[in-house]
Amino acid sequence: MDKQLQEILSSFHQHEINYWLDSGTLLGLMRDGRLLESDRDLDIGIWDTELSKLQALLPGFRQAGYQIYAASYQGRIFKYNLTPGNLKKLRTVDINIFRRYNDHAWCPMYYFKLSPTTEKKPQAKKSPLKILRSLLRSTWKALMTKITLNVHIDRLPWQPFLVIGTWWIPHSFYQQRVFSSRHQAWIPAAWQDYLAFRYGCWQEPQTDWVFYRDDRGINPLPPQQLISS
């Protein structure tokens, strides 16, 4: 077990927070038996009913050297990001907060509008757009290590720069969890079906994976349109 992940989950267990490993973290551990080297995030999911217990842990994470920012949509927090002081040694921790709507679990997701194109086009040199994107990302990471933010993704100044979609997952995948004794962590009970839903042929690494294009758990519509439809 990765030491950083073990320490994070130990705090969750001590405070009896109901969680599950998710996304690339779950994929790496269940397919390869270890975290993906290319994935610099630890992905954890919780229900919104666990939010107050999670917030009680935040002072301890700050004391451990993490900078924390919350992301909100329509005034409700849907994500906490824990950013370590040493990004070369440790991973950031993404904790997504899911809510239920009918037979789906949902959580907003977002990415910068200046993200790379989904079309493969050869580039002989870095374009001004790519340089600007890299600058925005490095500035974002630098801010996360120095200040605590509450980012409202659907408000100024962030909204013009972000594409907002929705993690839109059949509720049944998160309703039943099992404890993996191998990894000492809670995971979705039907984890194989869940990984197939998210990644398709999850047993084989994908070399050209783009999460907002290829992840089947993402609906490109923002939550407001899905929930009101």
C-alpha atoms as a PDB file:
ATOM      1  CA  MET A   1       0.000   0.000   0.000  1.00  0.00           C
ATOM      2  CA  ASP A   2       1.250   3.453  -0.905  1.00  0.00           C
ATOM      3  CA  LYS A   3       2.260   5.200   2.331  1.00  0.00           C
ATOM      4  CA  GLN A   4       0.497   8.480   1.538  1.00  0.00           C
ATOM      5  CA  LEU A   5      -2.746   6.729   0.633  1.00  0.00           C
ATOM      6  CA  GLN A   6      -2.469   4.554   3.728  1.00  0.00           C
ATOM      7  CA  GLU A   7      -2.166   7.637   5.952  1.00  0.00           C
ATOM      8  CA  ILE A   8      -5.152   9.337   4.323  1.00  0.00           C
ATOM      9  CA  LEU A   9      -7.337   6.249   4.640  1.00  0.00           C
ATOM     10  CA  SER A  10      -6.247   5.678   8.239  1.00  0.00           C
ATOM     11  CA  SER A  11      -7.797   9.045   9.117  1.00  0.00           C
ATOM     12  CA  PHE A  12     -10.966   8.111   7.254  1.00  0.00           C
ATOM     13  CA  HIS A  13     -11.198   4.815   9.115  1.00  0.00           C
ATOM     14  CA  GLN A  14     -10.603   6.397  12.523  1.00  0.00           C
ATOM     15  CA  HIS A  15     -13.440   8.864  11.924  1.00  0.00           C
ATOM     16  CA  GLU A  16     -15.717   6.212  10.383  1.00  0.00           C
ATOM     17  CA  ILE A  17     -16.148   8.004   7.090  1.00  0.00           C
ATOM     18  CA  ASN A  18     -17.908   5.896   4.475  1.00  0.00           C
ATOM     19  CA  TYR A  19     -15.836   6.222   1.313  1.00  0.00           C
ATOM     20  CA  TRP A  20     -14.676   4.264  -1.701  1.00  0.00           C
ATOM     21  CA  LEU A  21     -11.544   4.374  -3.844  1.00  0.00           C
ATOM     22  CA  ASP A  22     -12.382   5.703  -7.267  1.00  0.00           C
ATOM     23  CA  SER A  23     -11.165   6.471 -10.778  1.00  0.00           C
ATOM     24  CA  GLY A  24      -7.461   6.037 -11.497  1.00  0.00           C
ATOM     25  CA  THR A  25      -6.645   5.034  -7.932  1.00  0.00           C
ATOM     26  CA  LEU A  26      -9.091   2.135  -8.060  1.00  0.00           C
ATOM     27  CA  LEU A  27      -7.990   1.202 -11.575  1.00  0.00           C
ATOM     28  CA  GLY A  28      -4.302   1.068 -10.701  1.00  0.00           C
ATOM     29  CA  LEU A  29      -4.712  -0.930  -7.507  1.00  0.00           C
ATOM     30  CA  MET A  30      -7.129  -3.473  -8.948  1.00  0.00           C
ATOM     31  CA  ARG A  31      -5.435  -3.917 -12.335  1.00  0.00           C
ATOM     32  CA  ASP A  32      -1.741  -3.469 -11.505  1.00  0.00           C
ATOM     33  CA  GLY A  33      -1.684  -3.920  -7.735  1.00  0.00           C
ATOM     34  CA  ARG A  34      -0.208  -0.438  -7.300  1.00  0.00           C
ATOM     35  CA  LEU A  35      -0.957   3.184  -8.065  1.00  0.00           C
ATOM     36  CA  LEU A  36      -0.500   4.334 -11.646  1.00  0.00           C
ATOM     37  CA  GLU A  37       2.771   6.212 -12.014  1.00  0.00           C
ATOM     38  CA  SER A  38       1.189   8.548 -14.554  1.00  0.00           C
ATOM     39  CA  ASP A  39      -1.682   9.442 -12.202  1.00  0.00           C
ATOM     40  CA  ARG A  40      -0.647  12.139  -9.757  1.00  0.00           C
ATOM     41  CA  ASP A  41      -3.979  12.208  -7.898  1.00  0.00           C
ATOM     42  CA  LEU A  42      -5.471   9.992  -5.215  1.00  0.00           C
ATOM     43  CA  ASP A  43      -9.176   9.617  -6.002  1.00  0.00           C
ATOM     44  CA  ILE A  44     -11.707   9.075  -3.210  1.00  0.00           C
ATOM     45  CA  GLY A  45     -15.507   9.275  -3.340  1.00  0.00           C
ATOM     46  CA  ILE A  46     -17.943   9.937  -0.502  1.00  0.00           C
ATOM     47  CA  TRP A  47     -21.660  10.658  -0.197  1.00  0.00           C
ATOM     48  CA  ASP A  48     -22.763  14.142   0.830  1.00  0.00           C
ATOM     49  CA  THR A  49     -24.040  12.663   4.111  1.00  0.00           C
ATOM     50  CA  GLU A  50     -20.365  12.214   5.117  1.00  0.00           C
ATOM     51  CA  LEU A  51     -19.457  15.855   4.465  1.00  0.00           C
ATOM     52  CA  SER A  52     -19.504  17.073   8.072  1.00  0.00           C
ATOM     53  CA  LYS A  53     -17.248  14.185   9.175  1.00  0.00           C
ATOM     54  CA  LEU A  54     -14.827  14.959   6.366  1.00  0.00           C
ATOM     55  CA  GLN A  55     -14.720  18.636   7.273  1.00  0.00           C
ATOM     56  CA  ALA A  56     -13.776  17.690  10.839  1.00  0.00           C
ATOM     57  CA  LEU A  57     -10.627  16.063   9.411  1.00  0.00           C
ATOM     58  CA  LEU A  58      -9.438  19.104   7.476  1.00  0.00           C
ATOM     59  CA  PRO A  59      -7.508  20.814  10.326  1.00  0.00           C
ATOM     60  CA  GLY A  60      -5.480  17.641  10.774  1.00  0.00           C
ATOM     61  CA  PHE A  61      -4.647  17.524   7.071  1.00  0.00           C
ATOM     62  CA  ARG A  62      -3.522  21.161   7.224  1.00  0.00           C
ATOM     63  CA  GLN A  63      -1.251  20.326  10.143  1.00  0.00           C
ATOM     64  CA  ALA A  64       0.166  17.475   8.070  1.00  0.00           C
ATOM     65  CA  GLY A  65       1.235  20.011   5.424  1.00  0.00           C
ATOM     66  CA  TYR A  66      -1.655  19.945   2.960  1.00  0.00           C
ATOM     67  CA  GLN A  67      -3.152  23.070   1.463  1.00  0.00           C
ATOM     68  CA  ILE A  68      -6.883  22.658   0.964  1.00  0.00           C
ATOM     69  CA  TYR A  69      -9.336  24.097  -1.479  1.00  0.00           C
ATOM     70  CA  ALA A  70     -13.028  23.431  -1.821  1.00  0.00           C
ATOM     71  CA  ALA A  71     -14.894  23.515  -5.118  1.00  0.00           C
ATOM     72  CA  SER A  72     -18.551  24.552  -5.061  1.00  0.00           C
ATOM     73  CA  TYR A  73     -21.402  24.469  -7.561  1.00  0.00           C
ATOM     74  CA  GLN A  74     -24.603  26.412  -6.969  1.00  0.00           C
ATOM     75  CA  GLY A  75     -23.406  27.133  -3.441  1.00  0.00           C
ATOM     76  CA  ARG A  76     -22.770  23.493  -2.468  1.00  0.00           C
ATOM     77  CA  ILE A  77     -19.325  21.968  -1.983  1.00  0.00           C
ATOM     78  CA  PHE A  78     -18.724  18.995  -4.271  1.00  0.00           C
ATOM     79  CA  LYS A  79     -14.958  18.513  -3.979  1.00  0.00           C
ATOM     80  CA  TYR A  80     -12.087  18.942  -1.589  1.00  0.00           C
ATOM     81  CA  ASN A  81      -8.576  18.960  -2.982  1.00  0.00           C
ATOM     82  CA  LEU A  82      -5.614  18.370  -0.662  1.00  0.00           C
ATOM     83  CA  THR A  83      -2.379  19.624  -2.171  1.00  0.00           C
ATOM     84  CA  PRO A  84       0.897  18.582  -0.506  1.00  0.00           C
ATOM     85  CA  GLY A  85       3.777  20.989  -0.220  1.00  0.00           C
ATOM     86  CA  ASN A  86       5.998  18.620  -2.187  1.00  0.00           C
ATOM     87  CA  LEU A  87       4.233  17.809  -5.440  1.00  0.00           C
ATOM     88  CA  LYS A  88       7.234  15.893  -6.773  1.00  0.00           C
ATOM     89  CA  LYS A  89       7.133  13.402  -3.909  1.00  0.00           C
ATOM     90  CA  LEU A  90       3.441  13.215  -3.012  1.00  0.00           C
ATOM     91  CA  ARG A  91       0.180  13.166  -4.927  1.00  0.00           C
ATOM     92  CA  THR A  92      -2.713  15.563  -4.606  1.00  0.00           C
ATOM     93  CA  VAL A  93      -5.855  14.084  -3.045  1.00  0.00           C
ATOM     94  CA  ASP A  94      -9.201  14.596  -4.794  1.00  0.00           C
ATOM     95  CA  ILE A  95     -12.255  13.859  -2.673  1.00  0.00           C
ATOM     96  CA  ASN A  96     -15.445  13.989  -4.742  1.00  0.00           C
ATOM     97  CA  ILE A  97     -18.745  14.413  -2.903  1.00  0.00           C
ATOM     98  CA  PHE A  98     -21.626  12.592  -4.595  1.00  0.00           C
ATOM     99  CA  ARG A  99     -25.345  13.199  -4.295  1.00  0.00           C
ATOM    100  CA  ARG A 100     -28.195  11.049  -5.543  1.00  0.00           C
ATOM    101  CA  TYR A 101     -30.768  11.877  -8.183  1.00  0.00           C
ATOM    102  CA  ASN A 102     -33.186   9.054  -9.001  1.00  0.00           C
ATOM    103  CA  ASP A 103     -31.041   6.084 -10.028  1.00  0.00           C
ATOM    104  CA  HIS A 104     -27.804   8.042 -10.497  1.00  0.00           C
ATOM    105  CA  ALA A 105     -25.047   9.378  -8.293  1.00  0.00           C
ATOM    106  CA  TRP A 106     -23.801  12.734  -9.518  1.00  0.00           C
ATOM    107  CA  CYS A 107     -21.012  15.162  -8.838  1.00  0.00           C
ATOM    108  CA  PRO A 108     -19.915  18.172 -10.907  1.00  0.00           C
ATOM    109  CA  MET A 109     -16.655  17.907 -12.822  1.00  0.00           C
ATOM    110  CA  TYR A 110     -14.719  20.549 -14.707  1.00  0.00           C
ATOM    111  CA  TYR A 111     -11.629  21.228 -16.734  1.00  0.00           C
ATOM    112  CA  PHE A 112      -9.993  24.290 -18.241  1.00  0.00           C
ATOM    113  CA  LYS A 113     -11.324  25.373 -21.632  1.00  0.00           C
ATOM    114  CA  LEU A 114      -7.722  25.606 -22.738  1.00  0.00           C
ATOM    115  CA  SER A 115      -7.260  21.862 -22.323  1.00  0.00           C
ATOM    116  CA  PRO A 116      -5.654  20.016 -25.238  1.00  0.00           C
ATOM    117  CA  THR A 117      -7.856  19.309 -28.235  1.00  0.00           C
ATOM    118  CA  THR A 118      -9.396  15.852 -28.452  1.00  0.00           C
ATOM    119  CA  GLU A 119      -8.226  15.639 -32.057  1.00  0.00           C
ATOM    120  CA  LYS A 120      -4.702  14.437 -32.685  1.00  0.00           C
ATOM    121  CA  LYS A 121      -2.838  17.089 -34.664  1.00  0.00           C
ATOM    122  CA  PRO A 122       0.920  17.074 -35.030  1.00  0.00           C
ATOM    123  CA  GLN A 123       2.621  20.146 -33.662  1.00  0.00           C
ATOM    124  CA  ALA A 124       6.180  20.995 -34.580  1.00  0.00           C
ATOM    125  CA  LYS A 125       6.484  23.417 -31.708  1.00  0.00           C
ATOM    126  CA  LYS A 126       4.487  24.669 -28.768  1.00  0.00           C
ATOM    127  CA  SER A 127       1.650  26.902 -29.837  1.00  0.00           C
ATOM    128  CA  PRO A 128       0.796  30.087 -27.884  1.00  0.00           C
ATOM    129  CA  LEU A 129      -2.383  28.311 -26.718  1.00  0.00           C
ATOM    130  CA  LYS A 130      -0.397  25.398 -25.336  1.00  0.00           C
ATOM    131  CA  ILE A 131       2.044  27.724 -23.614  1.00  0.00           C
ATOM    132  CA  LEU A 132      -0.832  29.658 -22.037  1.00  0.00           C
ATOM    133  CA  ARG A 133      -2.461  26.404 -20.896  1.00  0.00           C
ATOM    134  CA  SER A 134       0.766  25.258 -19.239  1.00  0.00           C
ATOM    135  CA  LEU A 135       1.126  28.623 -17.546  1.00  0.00           C
ATOM    136  CA  LEU A 136      -2.421  28.456 -16.186  1.00  0.00           C
ATOM    137  CA  ARG A 137      -1.893  24.953 -14.826  1.00  0.00           C
ATOM    138  CA  SER A 138       1.425  25.782 -13.167  1.00  0.00           C
ATOM    139  CA  THR A 139      -0.070  28.940 -11.648  1.00  0.00           C
ATOM    140  CA  TRP A 140      -3.044  26.930 -10.374  1.00  0.00           C
ATOM    141  CA  LYS A 141      -0.757  24.368  -8.713  1.00  0.00           C
ATOM    142  CA  ALA A 142       1.403  27.090  -7.194  1.00  0.00           C
ATOM    143  CA  LEU A 143      -1.663  28.779  -5.720  1.00  0.00           C
ATOM    144  CA  MET A 144      -2.836  25.509  -4.208  1.00  0.00           C
ATOM    145  CA  THR A 145       0.385  25.180  -2.201  1.00  0.00           C
ATOM    146  CA  LYS A 146       0.177  28.683  -0.731  1.00  0.00           C
ATOM    147  CA  ILE A 147      -3.435  29.673  -0.071  1.00  0.00           C
ATOM    148  CA  THR A 148      -6.781  28.137   0.802  1.00  0.00           C
ATOM    149  CA  LEU A 149      -9.478  28.770  -1.765  1.00  0.00           C
ATOM    150  CA  ASN A 150     -13.164  28.133  -2.116  1.00  0.00           C
ATOM    151  CA  VAL A 151     -13.650  27.972  -5.861  1.00  0.00           C
ATOM    152  CA  HIS A 152     -17.181  28.537  -7.144  1.00  0.00           C
ATOM    153  CA  ILE A 153     -16.871  27.016 -10.596  1.00  0.00           C
ATOM    154  CA  ASP A 154     -20.162  28.487 -11.829  1.00  0.00           C
ATOM    155  CA  ARG A 155     -19.287  32.062 -10.818  1.00  0.00           C
ATOM    156  CA  LEU A 156     -16.776  34.720 -11.754  1.00  0.00           C
ATOM    157  CA  PRO A 157     -13.826  34.761 -12.062  1.00  0.00           C
ATOM    158  CA  TRP A 158     -13.610  31.005 -12.765  1.00  0.00           C
ATOM    159  CA  GLN A 159     -16.676  30.291 -14.889  1.00  0.00           C
ATOM    160  CA  PRO A 160     -15.397  31.784 -18.186  1.00  0.00           C
ATOM    161  CA  PHE A 161     -12.324  29.531 -18.087  1.00  0.00           C
ATOM    162  CA  LEU A 162     -13.986  26.223 -17.226  1.00  0.00           C
ATOM    163  CA  VAL A 163     -16.044  23.569 -18.979  1.00  0.00           C
ATOM    164  CA  ILE A 164     -18.535  22.094 -16.505  1.00  0.00           C
ATOM    165  CA  GLY A 165     -19.878  18.577 -16.862  1.00  0.00           C
ATOM    166  CA  THR A 166     -21.097  15.904 -14.473  1.00  0.00           C
ATOM    167  CA  TRP A 167     -19.885  12.641 -13.035  1.00  0.00           C
ATOM    168  CA  TRP A 168     -23.073  10.668 -13.777  1.00  0.00           C
ATOM    169  CA  ILE A 169     -22.780   7.173 -12.332  1.00  0.00           C
ATOM    170  CA  PRO A 170     -25.476   4.518 -11.852  1.00  0.00           C
ATOM    171  CA  HIS A 171     -26.248   4.646  -8.144  1.00  0.00           C
ATOM    172  CA  SER A 172     -25.928   0.882  -7.768  1.00  0.00           C
ATOM    173  CA  PHE A 173     -22.153   1.012  -8.280  1.00  0.00           C
ATOM    174  CA  TYR A 174     -21.652   3.116  -5.149  1.00  0.00           C
ATOM    175  CA  GLN A 175     -24.487   1.717  -3.064  1.00  0.00           C
ATOM    176  CA  GLN A 176     -22.676  -1.522  -2.242  1.00  0.00           C
ATOM    177  CA  ARG A 177     -19.070  -1.440  -1.012  1.00  0.00           C
ATOM    178  CA  VAL A 178     -16.674  -4.136   0.132  1.00  0.00           C
ATOM    179  CA  PHE A 179     -13.480  -3.903   2.159  1.00  0.00           C
ATOM    180  CA  SER A 180     -10.424  -5.063   0.233  1.00  0.00           C
ATOM    181  CA  SER A 181      -8.156  -6.801   2.722  1.00  0.00           C
ATOM    182  CA  ARG A 182      -5.354  -6.708   0.165  1.00  0.00           C
ATOM    183  CA  HIS A 183      -5.438  -2.917  -0.075  1.00  0.00           C
ATOM    184  CA  GLN A 184      -6.998  -2.159   3.309  1.00  0.00           C
ATOM    185  CA  ALA A 185      -9.557   0.071   1.656  1.00  0.00           C
ATOM    186  CA  TRP A 186     -13.234   0.225   0.750  1.00  0.00           C
ATOM    187  CA  ILE A 187     -14.067  -0.238  -2.930  1.00  0.00           C
ATOM    188  CA  PRO A 188     -17.255  -0.667  -4.984  1.00  0.00           C
ATOM    189  CA  ALA A 189     -18.522  -4.220  -4.561  1.00  0.00           C
ATOM    190  CA  ALA A 190     -19.002  -4.700  -8.311  1.00  0.00           C
ATOM    191  CA  TRP A 191     -15.636  -3.110  -9.052  1.00  0.00           C
ATOM    192  CA  GLN A 192     -15.004  -5.081 -12.231  1.00  0.00           C
ATOM    193  CA  ASP A 193     -18.330  -4.004 -13.749  1.00  0.00           C
ATOM    194  CA  TYR A 194     -17.699  -0.488 -12.540  1.00  0.00           C
ATOM    195  CA  LEU A 195     -14.277  -0.292 -14.184  1.00  0.00           C
ATOM    196  CA  ALA A 196     -15.774  -1.711 -17.387  1.00  0.00           C
ATOM    197  CA  PHE A 197     -18.470   0.974 -17.271  1.00  0.00           C
ATOM    198  CA  ARG A 198     -15.899   3.728 -16.809  1.00  0.00           C
ATOM    199  CA  TYR A 199     -13.028   2.537 -18.993  1.00  0.00           C
ATOM    200  CA  GLY A 200     -14.312  -0.133 -21.333  1.00  0.00           C
ATOM    201  CA  CYS A 201     -11.470  -2.654 -21.695  1.00  0.00           C
ATOM    202  CA  TRP A 202      -9.941  -1.660 -18.377  1.00  0.00           C
ATOM    203  CA  GLN A 203      -7.561  -4.650 -18.235  1.00  0.00           C
ATOM    204  CA  GLU A 204      -5.325  -3.076 -20.890  1.00  0.00           C
ATOM    205  CA  PRO A 205      -3.576   0.311 -20.448  1.00  0.00           C
ATOM    206  CA  GLN A 206      -4.713   2.983 -22.910  1.00  0.00           C
ATOM    207  CA  THR A 207      -1.970   5.146 -24.377  1.00  0.00           C
ATOM    208  CA  ASP A 208      -4.157   7.956 -25.718  1.00  0.00           C
ATOM    209  CA  TRP A 209      -6.630   8.316 -22.845  1.00  0.00           C
ATOM    210  CA  VAL A 210      -8.274  11.742 -22.377  1.00  0.00           C
ATOM    211  CA  PHE A 211     -10.538  11.642 -19.351  1.00  0.00           C
ATOM    212  CA  TYR A 212     -13.197  14.143 -20.425  1.00  0.00           C
ATOM    213  CA  ARG A 213     -13.420  12.535 -23.861  1.00  0.00           C
ATOM    214  CA  ASP A 214     -13.138   8.835 -23.032  1.00  0.00           C
ATOM    215  CA  ASP A 215     -14.475   8.308 -19.498  1.00  0.00           C
ATOM    216  CA  ARG A 216     -17.980   6.850 -19.780  1.00  0.00           C
ATOM    217  CA  GLY A 217     -18.845   8.086 -16.311  1.00  0.00           C
ATOM    218  CA  ILE A 218     -18.849  11.695 -17.528  1.00  0.00           C
ATOM    219  CA  ASN A 219     -21.918  13.395 -18.922  1.00  0.00           C
ATOM    220  CA  PRO A 220     -20.936  16.578 -20.828  1.00  0.00           C
ATOM    221  CA  LEU A 221     -23.992  18.450 -19.533  1.00  0.00           C
ATOM    222  CA  PRO A 222     -23.727  20.453 -16.300  1.00  0.00           C
ATOM    223  CA  PRO A 223     -25.668  19.103 -13.284  1.00  0.00           C
ATOM    224  CA  GLN A 224     -28.325  21.778 -13.480  1.00  0.00           C
ATOM    225  CA  GLN A 225     -29.472  20.519 -16.891  1.00  0.00           C
ATOM    226  CA  LEU A 226     -29.430  16.862 -15.895  1.00  0.00           C
ATOM    227  CA  ILE A 227     -31.256  17.289 -12.624  1.00  0.00           C
ATOM    228  CA  SER A 228     -33.889  19.645 -13.991  1.00  0.00           C
ATOM    229  CA  SER A 229     -34.554  17.564 -17.115  1.00  0.00           C
END
